[in-house]
Amino acid sequence: MTTTFFLVRHAAHDNLGSFLAGRMSGIGLGPAGQEQAARVGQRLVREKIDDVYTSPQERTRQTATAITEACRLDPPQINNALDEVDFGTWTGRSFVDLNRDVQWQRWNALRGLARAPGGEHMLDVQHRVVALIESLAGNRRGRRIVLVSHGDVIKAAVTYVLCSPLDAWARLDVAPGSVTVLIVGDWGAKIAALNEVVS
C-alpha cells in the first residue's frame, strides 16, 4: 500500500523575488497570491485529499487553507518540519544585496556544505522534511496527503528521493503554487510529477 504526497509550494506573495523573506513575520498573500492559492485548491479537489499539513509561515497557512476549503477538509495542521529554511542574518535582505555577498555565493554553489550565517544547514532542512514524510508514510498508509511548504524545502525532499546531492537544487524548478507528487511504498519512493504549475 502506498502513501501519496502532494508537495505544494505556497502561492506567490507580492514581493517574491525582491528580498529573502525566510521566516519573517507578516509575509502574506496579496490578491494575486490568494487567487493562485484558490486555483491550487481547485486543482487538488480531484485528488481526494485526506489530510493537509503546512509550514507555520503565514503565506503557507493561507495557501493550505485555500486547499482545505476547496477540498472540504478540516483546517490544515501546522508542522514545523515544513517550515522555511532558517536563513539567519540573511533574512529580509534584498537579492541585489545578497548577490554581492561571498557567503551567499558559496551557499548557492555548495548547498551540501554551506550554512546560512546564524541559520540552518541544508542537510538539517532535508533531514526534518524527510523524517516527516517517513513518519506520515508509516502512520497513514494509503492516504493522500498535501504538504504545503517552501521551494528549498521541497527541493531538499526531491533531491533525497532522487539520490541526488543537495547541490543539484539549481537544476530543479519548484514554482510558487506548484504541485510535486511523491509516492512512498514498501518498495521505496518515487517522484510521480515535478513542478506542475496550476494555471
N, C-alpha and C. Protein backbone atom coordinates (compact mmCIF):
# COMPACT_ATOMS: atom_id res chain seq x y z
N MET A 1 0.85 -1.19 0.00
CA MET A 1 0.00 0.00 0.00
C MET A 1 0.88 1.24 0.00
N THR A 2 0.51 2.22 -0.79
CA THR A 2 1.33 3.43 -0.92
C THR A 2 0.68 4.62 -0.21
N THR A 3 1.51 5.60 0.08
CA THR A 3 1.04 6.90 0.56
C THR A 3 1.46 7.92 -0.48
N THR A 4 0.52 8.78 -0.88
CA THR A 4 0.80 9.77 -1.91
C THR A 4 0.89 11.15 -1.27
N PHE A 5 1.97 11.85 -1.56
CA PHE A 5 2.19 13.19 -1.03
C PHE A 5 2.14 14.21 -2.17
N PHE A 6 1.41 15.27 -1.95
CA PHE A 6 1.36 16.39 -2.88
C PHE A 6 2.13 17.53 -2.22
N LEU A 7 3.35 17.77 -2.69
CA LEU A 7 4.20 18.81 -2.12
C LEU A 7 3.88 20.12 -2.83
N VAL A 8 3.27 21.03 -2.11
CA VAL A 8 2.80 22.28 -2.70
C VAL A 8 3.66 23.44 -2.19
N ARG A 9 4.24 24.17 -3.11
CA ARG A 9 4.90 25.41 -2.71
C ARG A 9 3.82 26.48 -2.55
N HIS A 10 3.95 27.29 -1.51
CA HIS A 10 2.97 28.34 -1.26
C HIS A 10 2.80 29.23 -2.49
N ALA A 11 1.64 29.85 -2.59
CA ALA A 11 1.40 30.81 -3.67
C ALA A 11 2.31 32.02 -3.51
N ALA A 12 2.45 32.78 -4.57
CA ALA A 12 3.39 33.91 -4.58
C ALA A 12 2.88 35.07 -3.74
N HIS A 13 3.78 35.61 -2.90
CA HIS A 13 3.46 36.86 -2.21
C HIS A 13 3.85 38.02 -3.11
N ASP A 14 3.42 39.22 -2.77
CA ASP A 14 3.55 40.37 -3.68
C ASP A 14 4.99 40.75 -4.00
N ASN A 15 5.91 40.49 -3.07
CA ASN A 15 7.31 40.91 -3.27
C ASN A 15 8.25 39.74 -3.54
N LEU A 16 7.69 38.65 -4.02
CA LEU A 16 8.50 37.47 -4.31
C LEU A 16 9.61 37.83 -5.30
N GLY A 17 10.84 37.43 -4.98
CA GLY A 17 11.96 37.68 -5.86
C GLY A 17 12.71 38.96 -5.59
N SER A 18 12.17 39.82 -4.71
CA SER A 18 12.86 41.08 -4.43
C SER A 18 13.72 41.00 -3.17
N PHE A 19 13.28 40.20 -2.20
CA PHE A 19 14.07 40.04 -0.98
C PHE A 19 13.85 38.63 -0.42
N LEU A 20 14.74 38.23 0.49
CA LEU A 20 14.68 36.89 1.07
C LEU A 20 13.74 36.93 2.27
N ALA A 21 12.52 36.49 2.07
CA ALA A 21 11.51 36.57 3.13
C ALA A 21 11.83 35.63 4.28
N GLY A 22 12.28 34.41 3.96
CA GLY A 22 12.62 33.46 5.01
C GLY A 22 11.49 33.28 6.01
N ARG A 23 11.84 33.46 7.29
CA ARG A 23 10.86 33.30 8.36
C ARG A 23 10.36 34.64 8.90
N MET A 24 10.48 35.69 8.10
CA MET A 24 9.95 36.99 8.52
C MET A 24 8.45 36.89 8.77
N SER A 25 7.98 37.57 9.79
CA SER A 25 6.55 37.60 10.05
C SER A 25 5.87 38.60 9.12
N GLY A 26 4.58 38.42 8.93
CA GLY A 26 3.79 39.37 8.16
C GLY A 26 3.92 39.26 6.66
N ILE A 27 4.47 38.16 6.15
CA ILE A 27 4.59 37.97 4.70
C ILE A 27 3.42 37.09 4.26
N GLY A 28 2.33 37.75 3.91
CA GLY A 28 1.13 37.02 3.49
C GLY A 28 0.89 37.16 2.00
N LEU A 29 -0.18 36.57 1.55
CA LEU A 29 -0.55 36.61 0.13
C LEU A 29 -1.38 37.85 -0.17
N GLY A 30 -1.05 38.51 -1.26
CA GLY A 30 -1.89 39.59 -1.76
C GLY A 30 -3.02 38.99 -2.59
N PRO A 31 -3.81 39.84 -3.23
CA PRO A 31 -4.94 39.34 -4.04
C PRO A 31 -4.53 38.34 -5.11
N ALA A 32 -3.42 38.60 -5.81
CA ALA A 32 -2.99 37.67 -6.87
C ALA A 32 -2.59 36.33 -6.27
N GLY A 33 -1.89 36.36 -5.14
CA GLY A 33 -1.49 35.13 -4.48
C GLY A 33 -2.68 34.35 -3.96
N GLN A 34 -3.67 35.05 -3.44
CA GLN A 34 -4.87 34.38 -2.96
C GLN A 34 -5.62 33.70 -4.10
N GLU A 35 -5.66 34.36 -5.26
CA GLU A 35 -6.28 33.74 -6.43
C GLU A 35 -5.51 32.50 -6.87
N GLN A 36 -4.18 32.59 -6.83
CA GLN A 36 -3.35 31.44 -7.20
C GLN A 36 -3.59 30.29 -6.23
N ALA A 37 -3.65 30.58 -4.93
CA ALA A 37 -3.90 29.54 -3.93
C ALA A 37 -5.26 28.88 -4.16
N ALA A 38 -6.25 29.67 -4.51
CA ALA A 38 -7.59 29.12 -4.78
C ALA A 38 -7.55 28.17 -5.98
N ARG A 39 -6.75 28.51 -7.00
CA ARG A 39 -6.63 27.63 -8.17
C ARG A 39 -5.96 26.31 -7.79
N VAL A 40 -4.95 26.38 -6.91
CA VAL A 40 -4.30 25.16 -6.45
C VAL A 40 -5.32 24.29 -5.70
N GLY A 41 -6.12 24.93 -4.86
CA GLY A 41 -7.16 24.19 -4.14
C GLY A 41 -8.11 23.48 -5.09
N GLN A 42 -8.55 24.17 -6.13
CA GLN A 42 -9.46 23.56 -7.10
C GLN A 42 -8.77 22.42 -7.85
N ARG A 43 -7.49 22.59 -8.14
CA ARG A 43 -6.74 21.53 -8.82
C ARG A 43 -6.70 20.26 -7.97
N LEU A 44 -6.59 20.41 -6.64
CA LEU A 44 -6.44 19.26 -5.77
C LEU A 44 -7.76 18.60 -5.39
N VAL A 45 -8.87 19.21 -5.72
CA VAL A 45 -10.17 18.62 -5.38
C VAL A 45 -10.29 17.22 -5.97
N ARG A 46 -9.84 17.05 -7.20
CA ARG A 46 -9.99 15.75 -7.87
C ARG A 46 -9.07 14.66 -7.32
N GLU A 47 -8.14 15.04 -6.44
CA GLU A 47 -7.18 14.07 -5.90
C GLU A 47 -7.68 13.34 -4.66
N LYS A 48 -8.86 13.73 -4.16
CA LYS A 48 -9.43 13.07 -2.98
C LYS A 48 -8.45 13.09 -1.80
N ILE A 49 -8.05 14.29 -1.45
CA ILE A 49 -7.08 14.51 -0.38
C ILE A 49 -7.67 14.12 0.98
N ASP A 50 -6.84 13.51 1.82
CA ASP A 50 -7.26 13.14 3.19
C ASP A 50 -6.81 14.14 4.24
N ASP A 51 -5.57 14.62 4.13
CA ASP A 51 -5.00 15.48 5.16
C ASP A 51 -4.17 16.59 4.52
N VAL A 52 -4.10 17.73 5.22
CA VAL A 52 -3.26 18.84 4.76
C VAL A 52 -2.41 19.32 5.93
N TYR A 53 -1.10 19.36 5.70
CA TYR A 53 -0.15 19.88 6.69
C TYR A 53 0.54 21.10 6.09
N THR A 54 0.93 22.03 6.95
CA THR A 54 1.52 23.26 6.45
C THR A 54 2.65 23.76 7.33
N SER A 55 3.56 24.45 6.70
CA SER A 55 4.57 25.26 7.41
C SER A 55 3.85 26.31 8.25
N PRO A 56 4.46 26.78 9.34
CA PRO A 56 3.81 27.80 10.16
C PRO A 56 3.79 29.20 9.56
N GLN A 57 4.49 29.42 8.45
CA GLN A 57 4.53 30.77 7.88
C GLN A 57 3.18 31.19 7.32
N GLU A 58 2.89 32.47 7.39
CA GLU A 58 1.56 32.97 7.00
C GLU A 58 1.21 32.62 5.56
N ARG A 59 2.15 32.79 4.64
CA ARG A 59 1.87 32.54 3.23
C ARG A 59 1.54 31.07 2.95
N THR A 60 2.18 30.16 3.70
CA THR A 60 1.86 28.74 3.52
C THR A 60 0.53 28.40 4.17
N ARG A 61 0.25 28.98 5.33
CA ARG A 61 -1.03 28.71 6.00
C ARG A 61 -2.20 29.21 5.15
N GLN A 62 -2.03 30.35 4.50
CA GLN A 62 -3.09 30.86 3.63
C GLN A 62 -3.30 29.94 2.44
N THR A 63 -2.21 29.46 1.86
CA THR A 63 -2.31 28.53 0.73
C THR A 63 -2.97 27.23 1.17
N ALA A 64 -2.56 26.71 2.32
CA ALA A 64 -3.13 25.46 2.83
C ALA A 64 -4.61 25.61 3.15
N THR A 65 -4.99 26.75 3.68
CA THR A 65 -6.41 26.99 3.99
C THR A 65 -7.25 27.01 2.72
N ALA A 66 -6.70 27.60 1.65
CA ALA A 66 -7.42 27.59 0.37
C ALA A 66 -7.64 26.16 -0.11
N ILE A 67 -6.67 25.29 0.15
CA ILE A 67 -6.78 23.89 -0.26
C ILE A 67 -7.82 23.16 0.58
N THR A 68 -7.78 23.33 1.90
CA THR A 68 -8.75 22.63 2.75
C THR A 68 -10.16 23.11 2.49
N GLU A 69 -10.31 24.39 2.20
CA GLU A 69 -11.66 24.91 1.91
C GLU A 69 -12.18 24.32 0.60
N ALA A 70 -11.33 24.28 -0.42
CA ALA A 70 -11.77 23.72 -1.71
C ALA A 70 -12.08 22.23 -1.59
N CYS A 71 -11.29 21.52 -0.80
CA CYS A 71 -11.46 20.07 -0.65
C CYS A 71 -12.42 19.69 0.47
N ARG A 72 -12.96 20.69 1.15
CA ARG A 72 -13.91 20.47 2.25
C ARG A 72 -13.32 19.57 3.34
N LEU A 73 -12.15 19.98 3.80
CA LEU A 73 -11.44 19.24 4.84
C LEU A 73 -11.34 20.09 6.11
N ASP A 74 -10.94 19.45 7.19
CA ASP A 74 -10.65 20.18 8.42
C ASP A 74 -9.51 21.16 8.17
N PRO A 75 -9.36 22.18 9.01
CA PRO A 75 -8.27 23.15 8.83
C PRO A 75 -6.91 22.45 8.77
N PRO A 76 -5.96 23.05 8.06
CA PRO A 76 -4.63 22.43 7.94
C PRO A 76 -3.93 22.31 9.28
N GLN A 77 -3.09 21.30 9.39
CA GLN A 77 -2.30 21.08 10.61
C GLN A 77 -0.91 21.68 10.42
N ILE A 78 -0.50 22.52 11.34
CA ILE A 78 0.82 23.16 11.26
C ILE A 78 1.88 22.18 11.73
N ASN A 79 2.96 22.06 10.96
CA ASN A 79 4.06 21.19 11.33
C ASN A 79 5.38 21.91 11.05
N ASN A 80 6.19 22.08 12.08
CA ASN A 80 7.44 22.84 11.95
C ASN A 80 8.45 22.19 11.02
N ALA A 81 8.29 20.91 10.74
CA ALA A 81 9.22 20.25 9.82
C ALA A 81 9.10 20.81 8.40
N LEU A 82 7.97 21.47 8.12
CA LEU A 82 7.74 22.06 6.80
C LEU A 82 8.13 23.53 6.73
N ASP A 83 8.67 24.06 7.83
CA ASP A 83 8.99 25.49 7.89
C ASP A 83 10.06 25.87 6.86
N GLU A 84 10.06 27.14 6.53
CA GLU A 84 11.07 27.68 5.63
C GLU A 84 12.46 27.47 6.22
N VAL A 85 13.47 27.48 5.38
CA VAL A 85 14.85 27.43 5.83
C VAL A 85 15.09 28.61 6.78
N ASP A 86 15.79 28.37 7.87
CA ASP A 86 16.21 29.47 8.74
C ASP A 86 17.44 30.10 8.10
N PHE A 87 17.25 31.25 7.47
CA PHE A 87 18.34 31.92 6.77
C PHE A 87 19.16 32.83 7.66
N GLY A 88 18.90 32.83 8.95
CA GLY A 88 19.72 33.59 9.88
C GLY A 88 19.78 35.07 9.53
N THR A 89 20.99 35.61 9.48
CA THR A 89 21.17 37.05 9.25
C THR A 89 20.85 37.49 7.82
N TRP A 90 20.66 36.53 6.92
CA TRP A 90 20.28 36.89 5.55
C TRP A 90 18.79 37.26 5.45
N THR A 91 18.00 36.87 6.43
CA THR A 91 16.56 37.09 6.38
C THR A 91 16.24 38.57 6.19
N GLY A 92 15.41 38.86 5.20
CA GLY A 92 14.97 40.22 4.93
C GLY A 92 15.87 41.02 4.00
N ARG A 93 17.04 40.50 3.66
CA ARG A 93 17.95 41.24 2.77
C ARG A 93 17.49 41.10 1.31
N SER A 94 17.74 42.14 0.53
CA SER A 94 17.37 42.10 -0.89
C SER A 94 18.31 41.15 -1.63
N PHE A 95 17.81 40.57 -2.72
CA PHE A 95 18.64 39.68 -3.50
C PHE A 95 19.75 40.44 -4.22
N VAL A 96 19.53 41.70 -4.53
CA VAL A 96 20.59 42.53 -5.13
C VAL A 96 21.76 42.62 -4.16
N ASP A 97 21.46 42.85 -2.88
CA ASP A 97 22.49 42.92 -1.86
C ASP A 97 23.14 41.55 -1.63
N LEU A 98 22.32 40.52 -1.53
CA LEU A 98 22.84 39.17 -1.27
C LEU A 98 23.76 38.69 -2.38
N ASN A 99 23.46 39.04 -3.61
CA ASN A 99 24.27 38.56 -4.73
C ASN A 99 25.70 39.09 -4.70
N ARG A 100 25.94 40.13 -3.88
CA ARG A 100 27.31 40.66 -3.71
C ARG A 100 28.02 40.02 -2.52
N ASP A 101 27.32 39.18 -1.79
CA ASP A 101 27.84 38.56 -0.57
C ASP A 101 28.55 37.24 -0.92
N VAL A 102 29.83 37.12 -0.58
CA VAL A 102 30.61 35.93 -0.91
C VAL A 102 30.03 34.69 -0.23
N GLN A 103 29.55 34.84 1.01
CA GLN A 103 28.95 33.71 1.71
C GLN A 103 27.69 33.22 1.00
N TRP A 104 26.89 34.15 0.47
CA TRP A 104 25.68 33.79 -0.28
C TRP A 104 26.05 33.04 -1.56
N GLN A 105 27.10 33.51 -2.23
CA GLN A 105 27.55 32.83 -3.45
C GLN A 105 28.01 31.40 -3.14
N ARG A 106 28.70 31.24 -2.01
CA ARG A 106 29.15 29.90 -1.61
C ARG A 106 27.96 29.02 -1.26
N TRP A 107 26.98 29.58 -0.57
CA TRP A 107 25.76 28.84 -0.21
C TRP A 107 25.09 28.28 -1.46
N ASN A 108 25.00 29.09 -2.49
CA ASN A 108 24.32 28.66 -3.71
C ASN A 108 25.15 27.69 -4.55
N ALA A 109 26.47 27.71 -4.37
CA ALA A 109 27.33 26.79 -5.12
C ALA A 109 27.51 25.46 -4.39
N LEU A 110 27.43 25.51 -3.04
CA LEU A 110 27.73 24.32 -2.23
C LEU A 110 26.67 24.11 -1.17
N ARG A 111 25.44 23.86 -1.60
CA ARG A 111 24.35 23.69 -0.64
C ARG A 111 24.61 22.52 0.31
N GLY A 112 25.34 21.54 -0.13
CA GLY A 112 25.59 20.39 0.73
C GLY A 112 26.61 20.65 1.83
N LEU A 113 27.35 21.75 1.74
CA LEU A 113 28.39 22.05 2.72
C LEU A 113 28.18 23.35 3.48
N ALA A 114 27.58 24.33 2.83
CA ALA A 114 27.48 25.66 3.42
C ALA A 114 26.31 25.75 4.40
N ARG A 115 26.41 26.72 5.28
CA ARG A 115 25.35 27.00 6.26
C ARG A 115 25.02 28.49 6.19
N ALA A 116 23.74 28.82 6.30
CA ALA A 116 23.34 30.22 6.38
C ALA A 116 23.89 30.80 7.68
N PRO A 117 24.49 32.00 7.65
CA PRO A 117 25.08 32.57 8.87
C PRO A 117 24.03 32.77 9.95
N GLY A 118 24.22 32.10 11.07
CA GLY A 118 23.25 32.18 12.15
C GLY A 118 21.99 31.37 11.89
N GLY A 119 22.01 30.55 10.84
CA GLY A 119 20.82 29.79 10.46
C GLY A 119 21.10 28.31 10.28
N GLU A 120 20.34 27.70 9.36
CA GLU A 120 20.38 26.25 9.18
C GLU A 120 21.33 25.80 8.08
N HIS A 121 21.74 24.57 8.21
CA HIS A 121 22.43 23.84 7.15
C HIS A 121 21.36 23.12 6.34
N MET A 122 21.52 23.03 5.03
CA MET A 122 20.51 22.37 4.20
C MET A 122 20.35 20.89 4.54
N LEU A 123 21.38 20.26 5.07
CA LEU A 123 21.24 18.87 5.50
C LEU A 123 20.25 18.76 6.65
N ASP A 124 20.21 19.78 7.52
CA ASP A 124 19.23 19.78 8.61
C ASP A 124 17.82 19.94 8.05
N VAL A 125 17.69 20.80 7.05
CA VAL A 125 16.39 21.00 6.41
C VAL A 125 15.92 19.70 5.77
N GLN A 126 16.82 19.06 5.04
CA GLN A 126 16.47 17.80 4.37
C GLN A 126 16.08 16.74 5.40
N HIS A 127 16.83 16.66 6.48
CA HIS A 127 16.55 15.66 7.50
C HIS A 127 15.15 15.84 8.08
N ARG A 128 14.76 17.08 8.40
CA ARG A 128 13.47 17.29 9.05
C ARG A 128 12.30 17.00 8.11
N VAL A 129 12.41 17.40 6.84
CA VAL A 129 11.28 17.18 5.94
C VAL A 129 11.17 15.70 5.56
N VAL A 130 12.29 15.03 5.36
CA VAL A 130 12.26 13.61 5.03
C VAL A 130 11.75 12.80 6.23
N ALA A 131 12.15 13.18 7.45
CA ALA A 131 11.67 12.48 8.64
C ALA A 131 10.15 12.60 8.76
N LEU A 132 9.60 13.76 8.43
CA LEU A 132 8.14 13.92 8.46
C LEU A 132 7.47 13.02 7.43
N ILE A 133 7.99 13.01 6.22
CA ILE A 133 7.42 12.17 5.16
C ILE A 133 7.47 10.70 5.56
N GLU A 134 8.60 10.26 6.10
CA GLU A 134 8.72 8.86 6.53
C GLU A 134 7.72 8.54 7.63
N SER A 135 7.56 9.45 8.58
CA SER A 135 6.62 9.23 9.68
C SER A 135 5.19 9.13 9.17
N LEU A 136 4.80 10.06 8.31
CA LEU A 136 3.43 10.05 7.78
C LEU A 136 3.19 8.83 6.90
N ALA A 137 4.20 8.44 6.13
CA ALA A 137 4.05 7.26 5.26
C ALA A 137 3.87 6.00 6.10
N GLY A 138 4.50 5.96 7.27
CA GLY A 138 4.37 4.79 8.13
C GLY A 138 3.06 4.75 8.90
N ASN A 139 2.58 5.93 9.30
CA ASN A 139 1.38 6.00 10.15
C ASN A 139 0.09 6.19 9.38
N ARG A 140 0.18 6.64 8.15
CA ARG A 140 -1.03 6.96 7.38
C ARG A 140 -0.97 6.29 6.01
N ARG A 141 -0.69 5.01 6.02
CA ARG A 141 -0.57 4.26 4.78
C ARG A 141 -1.88 4.31 3.99
N GLY A 142 -1.74 4.51 2.69
CA GLY A 142 -2.91 4.54 1.83
C GLY A 142 -3.57 5.90 1.72
N ARG A 143 -3.08 6.88 2.49
CA ARG A 143 -3.72 8.20 2.46
C ARG A 143 -3.08 9.10 1.43
N ARG A 144 -3.78 10.17 1.13
CA ARG A 144 -3.32 11.16 0.15
C ARG A 144 -3.18 12.48 0.90
N ILE A 145 -1.95 12.94 0.99
CA ILE A 145 -1.60 13.99 1.93
C ILE A 145 -0.95 15.17 1.21
N VAL A 146 -1.42 16.37 1.52
CA VAL A 146 -0.82 17.60 1.00
C VAL A 146 0.14 18.16 2.05
N LEU A 147 1.34 18.51 1.61
CA LEU A 147 2.32 19.19 2.45
C LEU A 147 2.61 20.54 1.81
N VAL A 148 2.21 21.62 2.46
CA VAL A 148 2.42 22.96 1.92
C VAL A 148 3.68 23.54 2.56
N SER A 149 4.66 23.84 1.72
CA SER A 149 5.95 24.27 2.25
C SER A 149 6.57 25.33 1.34
N HIS A 150 7.88 25.32 1.25
CA HIS A 150 8.66 26.35 0.57
C HIS A 150 9.57 25.71 -0.47
N GLY A 151 10.00 26.50 -1.43
CA GLY A 151 10.75 25.97 -2.56
C GLY A 151 11.97 25.15 -2.18
N ASP A 152 12.84 25.68 -1.33
CA ASP A 152 14.06 24.96 -0.97
C ASP A 152 13.76 23.70 -0.16
N VAL A 153 12.72 23.75 0.65
CA VAL A 153 12.36 22.57 1.45
C VAL A 153 11.87 21.44 0.55
N ILE A 154 11.04 21.80 -0.43
CA ILE A 154 10.55 20.79 -1.38
C ILE A 154 11.70 20.23 -2.20
N LYS A 155 12.61 21.10 -2.63
CA LYS A 155 13.78 20.62 -3.38
C LYS A 155 14.63 19.68 -2.55
N ALA A 156 14.74 19.94 -1.26
CA ALA A 156 15.51 19.05 -0.38
C ALA A 156 14.89 17.66 -0.34
N ALA A 157 13.57 17.59 -0.30
CA ALA A 157 12.88 16.29 -0.31
C ALA A 157 13.07 15.58 -1.65
N VAL A 158 12.94 16.33 -2.73
CA VAL A 158 13.06 15.74 -4.07
C VAL A 158 14.47 15.20 -4.32
N THR A 159 15.49 15.98 -3.96
CA THR A 159 16.86 15.50 -4.19
C THR A 159 17.14 14.25 -3.37
N TYR A 160 16.55 14.15 -2.18
CA TYR A 160 16.73 12.95 -1.36
C TYR A 160 16.14 11.73 -2.07
N VAL A 161 14.92 11.86 -2.56
CA VAL A 161 14.25 10.73 -3.23
C VAL A 161 15.01 10.33 -4.49
N LEU A 162 15.55 11.31 -5.19
CA LEU A 162 16.27 11.03 -6.43
C LEU A 162 17.72 10.61 -6.20
N CYS A 163 18.13 10.52 -4.92
CA CYS A 163 19.52 10.18 -4.58
C CYS A 163 20.50 11.15 -5.23
N SER A 164 20.08 12.41 -5.31
CA SER A 164 20.92 13.46 -5.88
C SER A 164 21.52 14.30 -4.76
N PRO A 165 22.67 14.91 -5.00
CA PRO A 165 23.24 15.78 -3.97
C PRO A 165 22.39 17.05 -3.81
N LEU A 166 22.47 17.64 -2.64
CA LEU A 166 21.75 18.89 -2.42
C LEU A 166 22.19 19.98 -3.38
N ASP A 167 23.44 19.88 -3.86
CA ASP A 167 23.95 20.87 -4.81
C ASP A 167 23.18 20.86 -6.13
N ALA A 168 22.37 19.82 -6.36
CA ALA A 168 21.56 19.74 -7.59
C ALA A 168 20.31 20.60 -7.50
N TRP A 169 20.11 21.33 -6.40
CA TRP A 169 18.89 22.12 -6.20
C TRP A 169 18.63 23.07 -7.38
N ALA A 170 19.68 23.65 -7.95
CA ALA A 170 19.51 24.65 -9.00
C ALA A 170 18.99 24.04 -10.30
N ARG A 171 19.04 22.71 -10.42
CA ARG A 171 18.56 22.04 -11.64
C ARG A 171 17.07 21.73 -11.56
N LEU A 172 16.45 22.07 -10.42
CA LEU A 172 15.03 21.80 -10.22
C LEU A 172 14.25 23.10 -10.17
N ASP A 173 13.11 23.13 -10.82
CA ASP A 173 12.18 24.25 -10.70
C ASP A 173 11.04 23.84 -9.78
N VAL A 174 10.77 24.64 -8.77
CA VAL A 174 9.62 24.45 -7.90
C VAL A 174 8.97 25.83 -7.77
N ALA A 175 8.06 26.12 -8.66
CA ALA A 175 7.48 27.46 -8.77
C ALA A 175 6.44 27.71 -7.68
N PRO A 176 6.18 28.97 -7.37
CA PRO A 176 5.09 29.27 -6.43
C PRO A 176 3.77 28.68 -6.92
N GLY A 177 3.04 28.06 -6.00
CA GLY A 177 1.76 27.47 -6.36
C GLY A 177 1.86 26.17 -7.14
N SER A 178 3.07 25.59 -7.21
CA SER A 178 3.23 24.35 -7.97
C SER A 178 2.95 23.13 -7.11
N VAL A 179 2.72 21.99 -7.80
CA VAL A 179 2.44 20.72 -7.13
C VAL A 179 3.46 19.69 -7.61
N THR A 180 4.13 19.06 -6.65
CA THR A 180 5.05 17.96 -6.93
C THR A 180 4.51 16.72 -6.23
N VAL A 181 4.46 15.60 -6.92
CA VAL A 181 3.82 14.40 -6.38
C VAL A 181 4.89 13.36 -6.05
N LEU A 182 4.84 12.89 -4.81
CA LEU A 182 5.78 11.89 -4.29
C LEU A 182 4.98 10.69 -3.78
N ILE A 183 5.35 9.50 -4.23
CA ILE A 183 4.66 8.28 -3.81
C ILE A 183 5.64 7.42 -3.01
N VAL A 184 5.19 6.99 -1.84
CA VAL A 184 6.04 6.18 -0.95
C VAL A 184 5.35 4.84 -0.70
N GLY A 185 6.11 3.76 -0.88
CA GLY A 185 5.59 2.41 -0.61
C GLY A 185 6.65 1.56 0.05
N ASP A 186 6.35 0.30 0.27
CA ASP A 186 7.32 -0.62 0.87
C ASP A 186 8.55 -0.80 -0.02
N TRP A 187 8.40 -0.52 -1.29
CA TRP A 187 9.48 -0.68 -2.25
C TRP A 187 10.39 0.54 -2.31
N GLY A 188 10.02 1.63 -1.63
CA GLY A 188 10.82 2.86 -1.67
C GLY A 188 9.96 4.06 -1.99
N ALA A 189 10.52 5.01 -2.73
CA ALA A 189 9.79 6.24 -3.06
C ALA A 189 10.13 6.67 -4.48
N LYS A 190 9.19 7.36 -5.10
CA LYS A 190 9.44 7.88 -6.45
C LYS A 190 8.73 9.21 -6.62
N ILE A 191 9.26 10.01 -7.53
CA ILE A 191 8.63 11.27 -7.91
C ILE A 191 7.72 10.99 -9.09
N ALA A 192 6.43 11.21 -8.92
CA ALA A 192 5.47 10.94 -9.99
C ALA A 192 5.19 12.18 -10.83
N ALA A 193 5.43 13.35 -10.28
CA ALA A 193 5.27 14.61 -11.03
C ALA A 193 6.10 15.67 -10.34
N LEU A 194 6.67 16.57 -11.12
CA LEU A 194 7.52 17.62 -10.58
C LEU A 194 7.08 18.98 -11.11
N ASN A 195 6.83 19.91 -10.19
CA ASN A 195 6.59 21.31 -10.55
C ASN A 195 5.43 21.49 -11.52
N GLU A 196 4.31 20.86 -11.23
CA GLU A 196 3.11 21.13 -12.03
C GLU A 196 2.59 22.51 -11.65
N VAL A 197 2.67 23.43 -12.57
CA VAL A 197 2.21 24.80 -12.30
C VAL A 197 0.74 24.89 -12.63
N VAL A 198 -0.05 25.27 -11.65
CA VAL A 198 -1.50 25.34 -11.83
C VAL A 198 -1.85 26.69 -12.43
N SER A 199 -2.47 26.68 -13.61
CA SER A 199 -2.79 27.95 -14.29
C SER A 199 -4.28 28.25 -14.17
